[in-house]
PDB file of N, CA and C in Angstrom:
ATOM      1  N   MET A   1     -19.168  23.943   9.313  1.00  0.00           N
ATOM      2  CA  MET A   1     -20.034  22.911   9.865  1.00  0.00           C
ATOM      3  C   MET A   1     -20.814  22.205   8.762  1.00  0.00           C
ATOM      4  N   GLU A   2     -21.198  22.969   7.753  1.00  0.00           N
ATOM      5  CA  GLU A   2     -21.974  22.389   6.657  1.00  0.00           C
ATOM      6  C   GLU A   2     -21.151  21.336   5.906  1.00  0.00           C
ATOM      7  N   LYS A   3     -19.829  21.561   5.790  1.00  0.00           N
ATOM      8  CA  LYS A   3     -18.955  20.605   5.093  1.00  0.00           C
ATOM      9  C   LYS A   3     -18.952  19.254   5.805  1.00  0.00           C
ATOM     10  N   PHE A   4     -18.981  19.277   7.143  1.00  0.00           N
ATOM     11  CA  PHE A   4     -19.009  18.030   7.906  1.00  0.00           C
ATOM     12  C   PHE A   4     -20.299  17.262   7.663  1.00  0.00           C
ATOM     13  N   ILE A   5     -21.388  17.968   7.578  1.00  0.00           N
ATOM     14  CA  ILE A   5     -22.690  17.329   7.350  1.00  0.00           C
ATOM     15  C   ILE A   5     -22.716  16.662   5.978  1.00  0.00           C
ATOM     16  N   TRP A   6     -22.231  17.367   4.953  1.00  0.00           N
ATOM     17  CA  TRP A   6     -22.220  16.781   3.615  1.00  0.00           C
ATOM     18  C   TRP A   6     -21.250  15.609   3.532  1.00  0.00           C
ATOM     19  N   ALA A   7     -20.120  15.703   4.231  1.00  0.00           N
ATOM     20  CA  ALA A   7     -19.181  14.578   4.259  1.00  0.00           C
ATOM     21  C   ALA A   7     -19.845  13.353   4.883  1.00  0.00           C
ATOM     22  N   PHE A   8     -20.569  13.565   5.962  1.00  0.00           N
ATOM     23  CA  PHE A   8     -21.276  12.471   6.624  1.00  0.00           C
ATOM     24  C   PHE A   8     -22.352  11.881   5.714  1.00  0.00           C
ATOM     25  N   ILE A   9     -23.108  12.729   5.045  1.00  0.00           N
ATOM     26  CA  ILE A   9     -24.186  12.255   4.175  1.00  0.00           C
ATOM     27  C   ILE A   9     -23.631  11.483   2.978  1.00  0.00           C
ATOM     28  N   VAL A  10     -22.623  12.037   2.304  1.00  0.00           N
ATOM     29  CA  VAL A  10     -22.064  11.376   1.125  1.00  0.00           C
ATOM     30  C   VAL A  10     -21.350  10.085   1.518  1.00  0.00           C
ATOM     31  N   GLY A  11     -20.515  10.139   2.535  1.00  0.00           N
ATOM     32  CA  GLY A  11     -19.822   8.928   2.991  1.00  0.00           C
ATOM     33  C   GLY A  11     -20.796   7.871   3.480  1.00  0.00           C
ATOM     34  N   GLY A  12     -21.814   8.298   4.200  1.00  0.00           N
ATOM     35  CA  GLY A  12     -22.839   7.368   4.671  1.00  0.00           C
ATOM     36  C   GLY A  12     -23.619   6.748   3.533  1.00  0.00           C
ATOM     37  N   THR A  13     -23.895   7.529   2.509  1.00  0.00           N
ATOM     38  CA  THR A  13     -24.615   7.011   1.342  1.00  0.00           C
ATOM     39  C   THR A  13     -23.791   5.950   0.618  1.00  0.00           C
ATOM     40  N   ILE A  14     -22.504   6.193   0.481  1.00  0.00           N
ATOM     41  CA  ILE A  14     -21.621   5.207  -0.153  1.00  0.00           C
ATOM     42  C   ILE A  14     -21.617   3.914   0.668  1.00  0.00           C
ATOM     43  N   CYS A  15     -21.562   4.049   1.987  1.00  0.00           N
ATOM     44  CA  CYS A  15     -21.573   2.869   2.854  1.00  0.00           C
ATOM     45  C   CYS A  15     -22.906   2.129   2.783  1.00  0.00           C
ATOM     46  N   VAL A  16     -23.998   2.871   2.723  1.00  0.00           N
ATOM     47  CA  VAL A  16     -25.314   2.242   2.597  1.00  0.00           C
ATOM     48  C   VAL A  16     -25.417   1.479   1.283  1.00  0.00           C
ATOM     49  N   ILE A  17     -24.906   2.056   0.213  1.00  0.00           N
ATOM     50  CA  ILE A  17     -24.923   1.366  -1.086  1.00  0.00           C
ATOM     51  C   ILE A  17     -24.136   0.060  -0.990  1.00  0.00           C
ATOM     52  N   GLY A  18     -22.970   0.108  -0.376  1.00  0.00           N
ATOM     53  CA  GLY A  18     -22.171  -1.104  -0.205  1.00  0.00           C
ATOM     54  C   GLY A  18     -22.882  -2.143   0.636  1.00  0.00           C
ATOM     55  N   GLN A  19     -23.535  -1.710   1.704  1.00  0.00           N
ATOM     56  CA  GLN A  19     -24.264  -2.647   2.566  1.00  0.00           C
ATOM     57  C   GLN A  19     -25.451  -3.256   1.832  1.00  0.00           C
ATOM     58  N   LEU A  20     -26.144  -2.452   1.047  1.00  0.00           N
ATOM     59  CA  LEU A  20     -27.275  -2.973   0.261  1.00  0.00           C
ATOM     60  C   LEU A  20     -26.796  -3.990  -0.779  1.00  0.00           C
ATOM     61  N   MET A  21     -25.632  -3.750  -1.349  1.00  0.00           N
ATOM     62  CA  MET A  21     -25.088  -4.699  -2.317  1.00  0.00           C
ATOM     63  C   MET A  21     -24.874  -6.062  -1.668  1.00  0.00           C
ATOM     64  N   MET A  22     -24.441  -6.070  -0.406  1.00  0.00           N
ATOM     65  CA  MET A  22     -24.214  -7.339   0.285  1.00  0.00           C
ATOM     66  C   MET A  22     -25.520  -7.960   0.788  1.00  0.00           C
ATOM     67  N   ASP A  23     -26.423  -7.132   1.323  1.00  0.00           N
ATOM     68  CA  ASP A  23     -27.650  -7.661   1.926  1.00  0.00           C
ATOM     69  C   ASP A  23     -28.718  -8.012   0.899  1.00  0.00           C
ATOM     70  N   VAL A  24     -28.952  -7.130  -0.057  1.00  0.00           N
ATOM     71  CA  VAL A  24     -30.036  -7.328  -1.016  1.00  0.00           C
ATOM     72  C   VAL A  24     -29.579  -8.197  -2.190  1.00  0.00           C
ATOM     73  N   PHE A  25     -28.430  -7.873  -2.761  1.00  0.00           N
ATOM     74  CA  PHE A  25     -27.956  -8.597  -3.935  1.00  0.00           C
ATOM     75  C   PHE A  25     -27.085  -9.801  -3.583  1.00  0.00           C
ATOM     76  N   LYS A  26     -26.835  -9.991  -2.283  1.00  0.00           N
ATOM     77  CA  LYS A  26     -26.076 -11.139  -1.774  1.00  0.00           C
ATOM     78  C   LYS A  26     -24.668 -11.232  -2.370  1.00  0.00           C
ATOM     79  N   LEU A  27     -24.055 -10.079  -2.592  1.00  0.00           N
ATOM     80  CA  LEU A  27     -22.678 -10.057  -3.069  1.00  0.00           C
ATOM     81  C   LEU A  27     -21.730 -10.278  -1.896  1.00  0.00           C
ATOM     82  N   THR A  28     -20.609 -10.892  -2.153  1.00  0.00           N
ATOM     83  CA  THR A  28     -19.604 -11.076  -1.113  1.00  0.00           C
ATOM     84  C   THR A  28     -18.904  -9.731  -0.861  1.00  0.00           C
ATOM     85  N   PRO A  29     -18.239  -9.595   0.280  1.00  0.00           N
ATOM     86  CA  PRO A  29     -17.495  -8.348   0.516  1.00  0.00           C
ATOM     87  C   PRO A  29     -16.463  -8.065  -0.576  1.00  0.00           C
ATOM     88  N   ALA A  30     -15.832  -9.097  -1.113  1.00  0.00           N
ATOM     89  CA  ALA A  30     -14.847  -8.890  -2.180  1.00  0.00           C
ATOM     90  C   ALA A  30     -15.512  -8.340  -3.437  1.00  0.00           C
ATOM     91  N   HIS A  31     -16.678  -8.882  -3.794  1.00  0.00           N
ATOM     92  CA  HIS A  31     -17.394  -8.379  -4.965  1.00  0.00           C
ATOM     93  C   HIS A  31     -17.861  -6.931  -4.744  1.00  0.00           C
ATOM     94  N   THR A  32     -18.322  -6.658  -3.546  1.00  0.00           N
ATOM     95  CA  THR A  32     -18.787  -5.305  -3.221  1.00  0.00           C
ATOM     96  C   THR A  32     -17.638  -4.312  -3.301  1.00  0.00           C
ATOM     97  N   THR A  33     -16.502  -4.663  -2.718  1.00  0.00           N
ATOM     98  CA  THR A  33     -15.336  -3.786  -2.745  1.00  0.00           C
ATOM     99  C   THR A  33     -14.869  -3.545  -4.178  1.00  0.00           C
ATOM    100  N   SER A  34     -14.787  -4.617  -4.949  1.00  0.00           N
ATOM    101  CA  SER A  34     -14.358  -4.487  -6.344  1.00  0.00           C
ATOM    102  C   SER A  34     -15.313  -3.610  -7.141  1.00  0.00           C
ATOM    103  N   THR A  35     -16.596  -3.790  -6.922  1.00  0.00           N
ATOM    104  CA  THR A  35     -17.590  -2.983  -7.632  1.00  0.00           C
ATOM    105  C   THR A  35     -17.449  -1.511  -7.283  1.00  0.00           C
ATOM    106  N   LEU A  36     -17.252  -1.206  -6.002  1.00  0.00           N
ATOM    107  CA  LEU A  36     -17.101   0.193  -5.592  1.00  0.00           C
ATOM    108  C   LEU A  36     -15.827   0.808  -6.160  1.00  0.00           C
ATOM    109  N   VAL A  37     -14.752   0.027  -6.248  1.00  0.00           N
ATOM    110  CA  VAL A  37     -13.512   0.535  -6.850  1.00  0.00           C
ATOM    111  C   VAL A  37     -13.735   0.836  -8.333  1.00  0.00           C
ATOM    112  N   VAL A  38     -14.422  -0.081  -9.028  1.00  0.00           N
ATOM    113  CA  VAL A  38     -14.681   0.123 -10.460  1.00  0.00           C
ATOM    114  C   VAL A  38     -15.585   1.334 -10.680  1.00  0.00           C
ATOM    115  N   VAL A  39     -16.605   1.491  -9.840  1.00  0.00           N
ATOM    116  CA  VAL A  39     -17.492   2.658  -9.959  1.00  0.00           C
ATOM    117  C   VAL A  39     -16.706   3.947  -9.733  1.00  0.00           C
ATOM    118  N   GLY A  40     -15.818   3.946  -8.728  1.00  0.00           N
ATOM    119  CA  GLY A  40     -14.972   5.116  -8.492  1.00  0.00           C
ATOM    120  C   GLY A  40     -14.056   5.403  -9.665  1.00  0.00           C
ATOM    121  N   ALA A  41     -13.536   4.336 -10.298  1.00  0.00           N
ATOM    122  CA  ALA A  41     -12.667   4.508 -11.459  1.00  0.00           C
ATOM    123  C   ALA A  41     -13.449   5.084 -12.640  1.00  0.00           C
ATOM    124  N   ILE A  42     -14.653   4.578 -12.854  1.00  0.00           N
ATOM    125  CA  ILE A  42     -15.473   5.089 -13.957  1.00  0.00           C
ATOM    126  C   ILE A  42     -15.831   6.553 -13.726  1.00  0.00           C
ATOM    127  N   LEU A  43     -16.263   6.875 -12.511  1.00  0.00           N
ATOM    128  CA  LEU A  43     -16.607   8.270 -12.204  1.00  0.00           C
ATOM    129  C   LEU A  43     -15.382   9.173 -12.326  1.00  0.00           C
ATOM    130  N   GLY A  44     -14.216   8.663 -11.903  1.00  0.00           N
ATOM    131  CA  GLY A  44     -12.982   9.437 -12.042  1.00  0.00           C
ATOM    132  C   GLY A  44     -12.613   9.654 -13.499  1.00  0.00           C
ATOM    133  N   GLY A  45     -12.765   8.609 -14.311  1.00  0.00           N
ATOM    134  CA  GLY A  45     -12.465   8.729 -15.733  1.00  0.00           C
ATOM    135  C   GLY A  45     -13.373   9.700 -16.454  1.00  0.00           C
ATOM    136  N   LEU A  46     -14.606   9.792 -15.983  1.00  0.00           N
ATOM    137  CA  LEU A  46     -15.558  10.732 -16.576  1.00  0.00           C
ATOM    138  C   LEU A  46     -15.428  12.145 -15.993  1.00  0.00           C
ATOM    139  N   GLY A  47     -14.541  12.294 -15.013  1.00  0.00           N
ATOM    140  CA  GLY A  47     -14.336  13.605 -14.396  1.00  0.00           C
ATOM    141  C   GLY A  47     -15.391  13.986 -13.388  1.00  0.00           C
ATOM    142  N   LEU A  48     -16.118  13.007 -12.855  1.00  0.00           N
ATOM    143  CA  LEU A  48     -17.195  13.300 -11.906  1.00  0.00           C
ATOM    144  C   LEU A  48     -16.797  13.087 -10.448  1.00  0.00           C
ATOM    145  N   TYR A  49     -15.714  12.352 -10.192  1.00  0.00           N
ATOM    146  CA  TYR A  49     -15.366  12.050  -8.802  1.00  0.00           C
ATOM    147  C   TYR A  49     -14.653  13.208  -8.111  1.00  0.00           C
ATOM    148  N   ASP A  50     -13.793  13.928  -8.815  1.00  0.00           N
ATOM    149  CA  ASP A  50     -13.092  15.061  -8.191  1.00  0.00           C
ATOM    150  C   ASP A  50     -14.050  16.155  -7.715  1.00  0.00           C
ATOM    151  N   PRO A  51     -15.078  16.506  -8.493  1.00  0.00           N
ATOM    152  CA  PRO A  51     -16.047  17.471  -7.960  1.00  0.00           C
ATOM    153  C   PRO A  51     -16.775  16.946  -6.715  1.00  0.00           C
ATOM    154  N   LEU A  52     -17.001  15.633  -6.667  1.00  0.00           N
ATOM    155  CA  LEU A  52     -17.633  15.046  -5.479  1.00  0.00           C
ATOM    156  C   LEU A  52     -16.715  15.180  -4.271  1.00  0.00           C
ATOM    157  N   ILE A  53     -15.412  14.988  -4.473  1.00  0.00           N
ATOM    158  CA  ILE A  53     -14.454  15.156  -3.374  1.00  0.00           C
ATOM    159  C   ILE A  53     -14.411  16.616  -2.923  1.00  0.00           C
ATOM    160  N   LYS A  54     -14.437  17.541  -3.881  1.00  0.00           N
ATOM    161  CA  LYS A  54     -14.451  18.967  -3.506  1.00  0.00           C
ATOM    162  C   LYS A  54     -15.705  19.316  -2.714  1.00  0.00           C
ATOM    163  N   PHE A  55     -16.813  18.697  -3.066  1.00  0.00           N
ATOM    164  CA  PHE A  55     -18.082  18.974  -2.398  1.00  0.00           C
ATOM    165  C   PHE A  55     -18.160  18.319  -1.020  1.00  0.00           C
ATOM    166  N   ALA A  56     -17.778  17.041  -0.919  1.00  0.00           N
ATOM    167  CA  ALA A  56     -17.991  16.286   0.317  1.00  0.00           C
ATOM    168  C   ALA A  56     -16.724  16.032   1.117  1.00  0.00           C
ATOM    169  N   GLY A  57     -15.568  16.404   0.618  1.00  0.00           N
ATOM    170  CA  GLY A  57     -14.326  16.219   1.364  1.00  0.00           C
ATOM    171  C   GLY A  57     -14.060  14.761   1.688  1.00  0.00           C
ATOM    172  N   ALA A  58     -13.805  14.487   2.962  1.00  0.00           N
ATOM    173  CA  ALA A  58     -13.471  13.128   3.400  1.00  0.00           C
ATOM    174  C   ALA A  58     -14.622  12.154   3.183  1.00  0.00           C
ATOM    175  N   GLY A  59     -15.833  12.640   3.073  1.00  0.00           N
ATOM    176  CA  GLY A  59     -16.970  11.761   2.813  1.00  0.00           C
ATOM    177  C   GLY A  59     -16.847  11.052   1.481  1.00  0.00           C
ATOM    178  N   ALA A  60     -16.095  11.631   0.553  1.00  0.00           N
ATOM    179  CA  ALA A  60     -15.886  11.009  -0.756  1.00  0.00           C
ATOM    180  C   ALA A  60     -14.461  10.503  -0.932  1.00  0.00           C
ATOM    181  N   SER A  61     -13.499  11.069  -0.194  1.00  0.00           N
ATOM    182  CA  SER A  61     -12.106  10.674  -0.402  1.00  0.00           C
ATOM    183  C   SER A  61     -11.681   9.492   0.457  1.00  0.00           C
ATOM    184  N   VAL A  62     -12.396   9.186   1.530  1.00  0.00           N
ATOM    185  CA  VAL A  62     -12.019   8.074   2.400  1.00  0.00           C
ATOM    186  C   VAL A  62     -12.571   6.728   1.922  1.00  0.00           C
ATOM    187  N   PRO A  63     -13.805   6.625   1.441  1.00  0.00           N
ATOM    188  CA  PRO A  63     -14.306   5.311   1.016  1.00  0.00           C
ATOM    189  C   PRO A  63     -13.493   4.701  -0.124  1.00  0.00           C
ATOM    190  N   ILE A  64     -13.661   3.409  -0.318  1.00  0.00           N
ATOM    191  CA  ILE A  64     -12.872   2.648  -1.293  1.00  0.00           C
ATOM    192  C   ILE A  64     -13.061   3.138  -2.720  1.00  0.00           C
ATOM    193  N   CYS A  65     -14.146   3.810  -3.015  1.00  0.00           N
ATOM    194  CA  CYS A  65     -14.366   4.357  -4.368  1.00  0.00           C
ATOM    195  C   CYS A  65     -13.237   5.304  -4.749  1.00  0.00           C
ATOM    196  N   SER A  66     -12.700   5.994  -3.775  1.00  0.00           N
ATOM    197  CA  SER A  66     -11.635   6.954  -4.034  1.00  0.00           C
ATOM    198  C   SER A  66     -10.371   6.263  -4.542  1.00  0.00           C
ATOM    199  N   PHE A  67     -10.173   4.996  -4.170  1.00  0.00           N
ATOM    200  CA  PHE A  67      -9.019   4.253  -4.667  1.00  0.00           C
ATOM    201  C   PHE A  67      -9.121   4.059  -6.179  1.00  0.00           C
ATOM    202  N   GLY A  68     -10.304   3.730  -6.658  1.00  0.00           N
ATOM    203  CA  GLY A  68     -10.515   3.605  -8.102  1.00  0.00           C
ATOM    204  C   GLY A  68     -10.257   4.919  -8.815  1.00  0.00           C
ATOM    205  N   ASN A  69     -10.723   5.996  -8.209  1.00  0.00           N
ATOM    206  CA  ASN A  69     -10.480   7.323  -8.774  1.00  0.00           C
ATOM    207  C   ASN A  69      -8.986   7.611  -8.829  1.00  0.00           C
ATOM    208  N   ALA A  70      -8.249   7.259  -7.784  1.00  0.00           N
ATOM    209  CA  ALA A  70      -6.801   7.498  -7.754  1.00  0.00           C
ATOM    210  C   ALA A  70      -6.084   6.676  -8.818  1.00  0.00           C
ATOM    211  N   LEU A  71      -6.532   5.441  -9.036  1.00  0.00           N
ATOM    212  CA  LEU A  71      -5.926   4.610 -10.074  1.00  0.00           C
ATOM    213  C   LEU A  71      -6.055   5.261 -11.447  1.00  0.00           C
ATOM    214  N   VAL A  72      -7.257   5.715 -11.758  1.00  0.00           N
ATOM    215  CA  VAL A  72      -7.504   6.331 -13.066  1.00  0.00           C
ATOM    216  C   VAL A  72      -6.763   7.656 -13.191  1.00  0.00           C
ATOM    217  N   LYS A  73      -6.773   8.432 -12.128  1.00  0.00           N
ATOM    218  CA  LYS A  73      -6.086   9.730 -12.161  1.00  0.00           C
ATOM    219  C   LYS A  73      -4.597   9.546 -12.432  1.00  0.00           C
ATOM    220  N   GLY A  74      -3.970   8.574 -11.766  1.00  0.00           N
ATOM    221  CA  GLY A  74      -2.547   8.308 -11.993  1.00  0.00           C
ATOM    222  C   GLY A  74      -2.279   7.806 -13.396  1.00  0.00           C
ATOM    223  N   ALA A  75      -3.138   6.915 -13.880  1.00  0.00           N
ATOM    224  CA  ALA A  75      -2.961   6.368 -15.229  1.00  0.00           C
ATOM    225  C   ALA A  75      -3.100   7.459 -16.285  1.00  0.00           C
ATOM    226  N   LEU A  76      -4.084   8.325 -16.134  1.00  0.00           N
ATOM    227  CA  LEU A  76      -4.288   9.388 -17.119  1.00  0.00           C
ATOM    228  C   LEU A  76      -3.151  10.406 -17.103  1.00  0.00           C
ATOM    229  N   ALA A  77      -2.703  10.763 -15.899  1.00  0.00           N
ATOM    230  CA  ALA A  77      -1.628  11.756 -15.796  1.00  0.00           C
ATOM    231  C   ALA A  77      -0.334  11.237 -16.420  1.00  0.00           C
ATOM    232  N   GLU A  78       0.011   9.986 -16.136  1.00  0.00           N
ATOM    233  CA  GLU A  78       1.254   9.435 -16.670  1.00  0.00           C
ATOM    234  C   GLU A  78       1.146   9.089 -18.150  1.00  0.00           C
ATOM    235  N   SER A  79      -0.061   8.763 -18.612  1.00  0.00           N
ATOM    236  CA  SER A  79      -0.208   8.451 -20.042  1.00  0.00           C
ATOM    237  C   SER A  79       0.025   9.687 -20.903  1.00  0.00           C
ATOM    238  N   GLU A  80      -0.273  10.857 -20.364  1.00  0.00           N
ATOM    239  CA  GLU A  80      -0.002  12.086 -21.112  1.00  0.00           C
ATOM    240  C   GLU A  80       1.502  12.327 -21.252  1.00  0.00           C
ATOM    241  N   LYS A  81       2.272  11.910 -20.236  1.00  0.00           N
ATOM    242  CA  LYS A  81       3.716  12.128 -20.262  1.00  0.00           C
ATOM    243  C   LYS A  81       4.453  11.034 -21.031  1.00  0.00           C
ATOM    244  N   HIS A  82       4.068   9.770 -20.795  1.00  0.00           N
ATOM    245  CA  HIS A  82       4.858   8.647 -21.296  1.00  0.00           C
ATOM    246  C   HIS A  82       4.108   7.707 -22.225  1.00  0.00           C
ATOM    247  N   GLY A  83       2.912   8.049 -22.619  1.00  0.00           N
ATOM    248  CA  GLY A  83       2.158   7.197 -23.531  1.00  0.00           C
ATOM    249  C   GLY A  83       1.590   5.966 -22.848  1.00  0.00           C
ATOM    250  N   ILE A  84       1.525   4.874 -23.576  1.00  0.00           N
ATOM    251  CA  ILE A  84       0.870   3.668 -23.077  1.00  0.00           C
ATOM    252  C   ILE A  84       1.589   3.072 -21.867  1.00  0.00           C
ATOM    253  N   ILE A  85       2.898   3.173 -21.812  1.00  0.00           N
ATOM    254  CA  ILE A  85       3.633   2.652 -20.661  1.00  0.00           C
ATOM    255  C   ILE A  85       3.313   3.465 -19.405  1.00  0.00           C
ATOM    256  N   GLY A  86       2.966   4.732 -19.599  1.00  0.00           N
ATOM    257  CA  GLY A  86       2.588   5.577 -18.477  1.00  0.00           C
ATOM    258  C   GLY A  86       1.298   5.125 -17.803  1.00  0.00           C
ATOM    259  N   VAL A  87       0.416   4.478 -18.556  1.00  0.00           N
ATOM    260  CA  VAL A  87      -0.804   3.951 -17.959  1.00  0.00           C
ATOM    261  C   VAL A  87      -0.449   2.932 -16.893  1.00  0.00           C
ATOM    262  N   LEU A  88       0.483   2.063 -17.199  1.00  0.00           N
ATOM    263  CA  LEU A  88       0.883   1.026 -16.241  1.00  0.00           C
ATOM    264  C   LEU A  88       1.661   1.598 -15.062  1.00  0.00           C
ATOM    265  N   THR A  89       2.601   2.486 -15.327  1.00  0.00           N
ATOM    266  CA  THR A  89       3.404   3.034 -14.241  1.00  0.00           C
ATOM    267  C   THR A  89       2.626   4.035 -13.398  1.00  0.00           C
ATOM    268  N   GLY A  90       1.702   4.757 -14.015  1.00  0.00           N
ATOM    269  CA  GLY A  90       0.936   5.760 -13.283  1.00  0.00           C
ATOM    270  C   GLY A  90       0.023   5.160 -12.240  1.00  0.00           C
ATOM    271  N   ILE A  91      -0.515   3.987 -12.527  1.00  0.00           N
ATOM    272  CA  ILE A  91      -1.385   3.313 -11.566  1.00  0.00           C
ATOM    273  C   ILE A  91      -0.627   3.047 -10.276  1.00  0.00           C
ATOM    274  N   PHE A  92       0.607   2.570 -10.400  1.00  0.00           N
ATOM    275  CA  PHE A  92       1.379   2.220  -9.210  1.00  0.00           C
ATOM    276  C   PHE A  92       2.011   3.436  -8.544  1.00  0.00           C
ATOM    277  N   GLU A  93       2.334   4.440  -9.328  1.00  0.00           N
ATOM    278  CA  GLU A  93       2.997   5.616  -8.769  1.00  0.00           C
ATOM    279  C   GLU A  93       2.103   6.351  -7.764  1.00  0.00           C
ATOM    280  N   ILE A  94       0.849   6.544  -8.113  1.00  0.00           N
ATOM    281  CA  ILE A  94      -0.023   7.350  -7.262  1.00  0.00           C
ATOM    282  C   ILE A  94      -0.633   6.538  -6.117  1.00  0.00           C
ATOM    283  N   THR A  95      -0.704   5.227  -6.256  1.00  0.00           N
ATOM    284  CA  THR A  95      -1.349   4.407  -5.222  1.00  0.00           C
ATOM    285  C   THR A  95      -0.364   3.559  -4.431  1.00  0.00           C
ATOM    286  N   SER A  96       0.931   3.694  -4.704  1.00  0.00           N
ATOM    287  CA  SER A  96       1.915   2.820  -4.068  1.00  0.00           C
ATOM    288  C   SER A  96       1.958   2.968  -2.552  1.00  0.00           C
ATOM    289  N   ALA A  97       1.747   4.154  -2.030  1.00  0.00           N
ATOM    290  CA  ALA A  97       1.780   4.333  -0.572  1.00  0.00           C
ATOM    291  C   ALA A  97       0.653   3.553   0.100  1.00  0.00           C
ATOM    292  N   GLY A  98      -0.545   3.622  -0.461  1.00  0.00           N
ATOM    293  CA  GLY A  98      -1.670   2.890   0.120  1.00  0.00           C
ATOM    294  C   GLY A  98      -1.495   1.391   0.025  1.00  0.00           C
ATOM    295  N   ILE A  99      -1.009   0.916  -1.113  1.00  0.00           N
ATOM    296  CA  ILE A  99      -0.783  -0.514  -1.296  1.00  0.00           C
ATOM    297  C   ILE A  99       0.314  -0.994  -0.348  1.00  0.00           C
ATOM    298  N   SER A 100       1.395  -0.226  -0.242  1.00  0.00           N
ATOM    299  CA  SER A 100       2.492  -0.598   0.656  1.00  0.00           C
ATOM    300  C   SER A 100       2.034  -0.641   2.102  1.00  0.00           C
ATOM    301  N   ALA A 101       1.253   0.346   2.508  1.00  0.00           N
ATOM    302  CA  ALA A 101       0.759   0.371   3.886  1.00  0.00           C
ATOM    303  C   ALA A 101      -0.125  -0.846   4.170  1.00  0.00           C
ATOM    304  N   ALA A 102      -0.968  -1.227   3.226  1.00  0.00           N
ATOM    305  CA  ALA A 102      -1.835  -2.392   3.413  1.00  0.00           C
ATOM    306  C   ALA A 102      -1.004  -3.665   3.584  1.00  0.00           C
ATOM    307  N   ILE A 103       0.044  -3.810   2.784  1.00  0.00           N
ATOM    308  CA  ILE A 103       0.897  -4.993   2.882  1.00  0.00           C
ATOM    309  C   ILE A 103       1.651  -5.012   4.206  1.00  0.00           C
ATOM    310  N   ILE A 104       2.245  -3.872   4.569  1.00  0.00           N
ATOM    311  CA  ILE A 104       3.042  -3.808   5.803  1.00  0.00           C
ATOM    312  C   ILE A 104       2.177  -4.031   7.035  1.00  0.00           C
ATOM    313  N   PHE A 105       1.045  -3.343   7.130  1.00  0.00           N
ATOM    314  CA  PHE A 105       0.195  -3.501   8.305  1.00  0.00           C
ATOM    315  C   PHE A 105      -0.477  -4.872   8.343  1.00  0.00           C
ATOM    316  N   GLY A 106      -0.761  -5.442   7.173  1.00  0.00           N
ATOM    317  CA  GLY A 106      -1.291  -6.804   7.126  1.00  0.00           C
ATOM    318  C   GLY A 106      -0.276  -7.801   7.658  1.00  0.00           C
ATOM    319  N   PHE A 107       0.984  -7.621   7.276  1.00  0.00           N
ATOM    320  CA  PHE A 107       2.048  -8.499   7.766  1.00  0.00           C
ATOM    321  C   PHE A 107       2.225  -8.333   9.272  1.00  0.00           C
ATOM    322  N   MET A 108       2.236  -7.075   9.740  1.00  0.00           N
ATOM    323  CA  MET A 108       2.400  -6.838  11.190  1.00  0.00           C
ATOM    324  C   MET A 108       1.227  -7.440  11.961  1.00  0.00           C
ATOM    325  N   GLY A 109       0.031  -7.335  11.417  1.00  0.00           N
ATOM    326  CA  GLY A 109      -1.130  -7.933  12.068  1.00  0.00           C
ATOM    327  C   GLY A 109      -1.021  -9.446  12.139  1.00  0.00           C
ATOM    328  N   SER A 110      -0.447 -10.054  11.098  1.00  0.00           N
ATOM    329  CA  SER A 110      -0.300 -11.517  11.102  1.00  0.00           C
ATOM    330  C   SER A 110       0.727 -11.973  12.133  1.00  0.00           C
ATOM    331  N   LEU A 111       1.673 -11.092  12.491  1.00  0.00           N
ATOM    332  CA  LEU A 111       2.634 -11.440  13.525  1.00  0.00           C
ATOM    333  C   LEU A 111       2.002 -11.371  14.913  1.00  0.00           C
ATOM    334  N   VAL A 112       1.083 -10.472  15.105  1.00  0.00           N
ATOM    335  CA  VAL A 112       0.459 -10.272  16.410  1.00  0.00           C
ATOM    336  C   VAL A 112      -0.679 -11.269  16.644  1.00  0.00           C
ATOM    337  N   PHE A 113      -1.481 -11.497  15.609  1.00  0.00           N
ATOM    338  CA  PHE A 113      -2.656 -12.358  15.744  1.00  0.00           C
ATOM    339  C   PHE A 113      -2.425 -13.661  14.980  1.00  0.00           C
ATOM    340  N   LYS A 114      -3.194 -14.665  15.321  1.00  0.00           N
ATOM    341  CA  LYS A 114      -3.073 -15.958  14.652  1.00  0.00           C
ATOM    342  C   LYS A 114      -3.886 -15.945  13.364  1.00  0.00           C
ATOM    343  N   PRO A 115      -3.224 -15.976  12.201  1.00  0.00           N
ATOM    344  CA  PRO A 115      -3.960 -15.957  10.929  1.00  0.00           C
ATOM    345  C   PRO A 115      -4.775 -17.240  10.743  1.00  0.00           C
ATOM    346  N   LYS A 116      -5.917 -17.103  10.095  1.00  0.00           N
ATOM    347  CA  LYS A 116      -6.764 -18.274   9.798  1.00  0.00           C
ATOM    348  C   LYS A 116      -6.541 -18.644   8.347  1.00  0.00           C
ATOM    349  N   GLY A 117      -5.873 -19.725   8.105  1.00  0.00           N
ATOM    350  CA  GLY A 117      -5.697 -20.181   6.728  1.00  0.00           C
ATOM    351  C   GLY A 117      -4.341 -20.230   6.260  1.00  0.00           C
TER     352      GLY A 117
END
């Protein structure tokens, strides 16, 4: 039960930070999302995001910050195997399922609903 509470607190805190970025600093949703991805990537590169995921579970692995962490994790893992080219391939290898799902479901949504633009 305690794990659920910490997941709620950590995930909620990340969401509050994102909302404050839009309300107080007047950032657009795109800027807010990009900032959270970069923060997740920096924390992942410093080795601080994985302990947060172990501590808070889905509270840290579901928000967009986790995508930045996954990008860095894939790049670092593949760079050890294949050098500089591994940085490029590792980013896509570990995140390809999420990117593919976003493209496929976005396309399916555009077939069902009338896109604006």
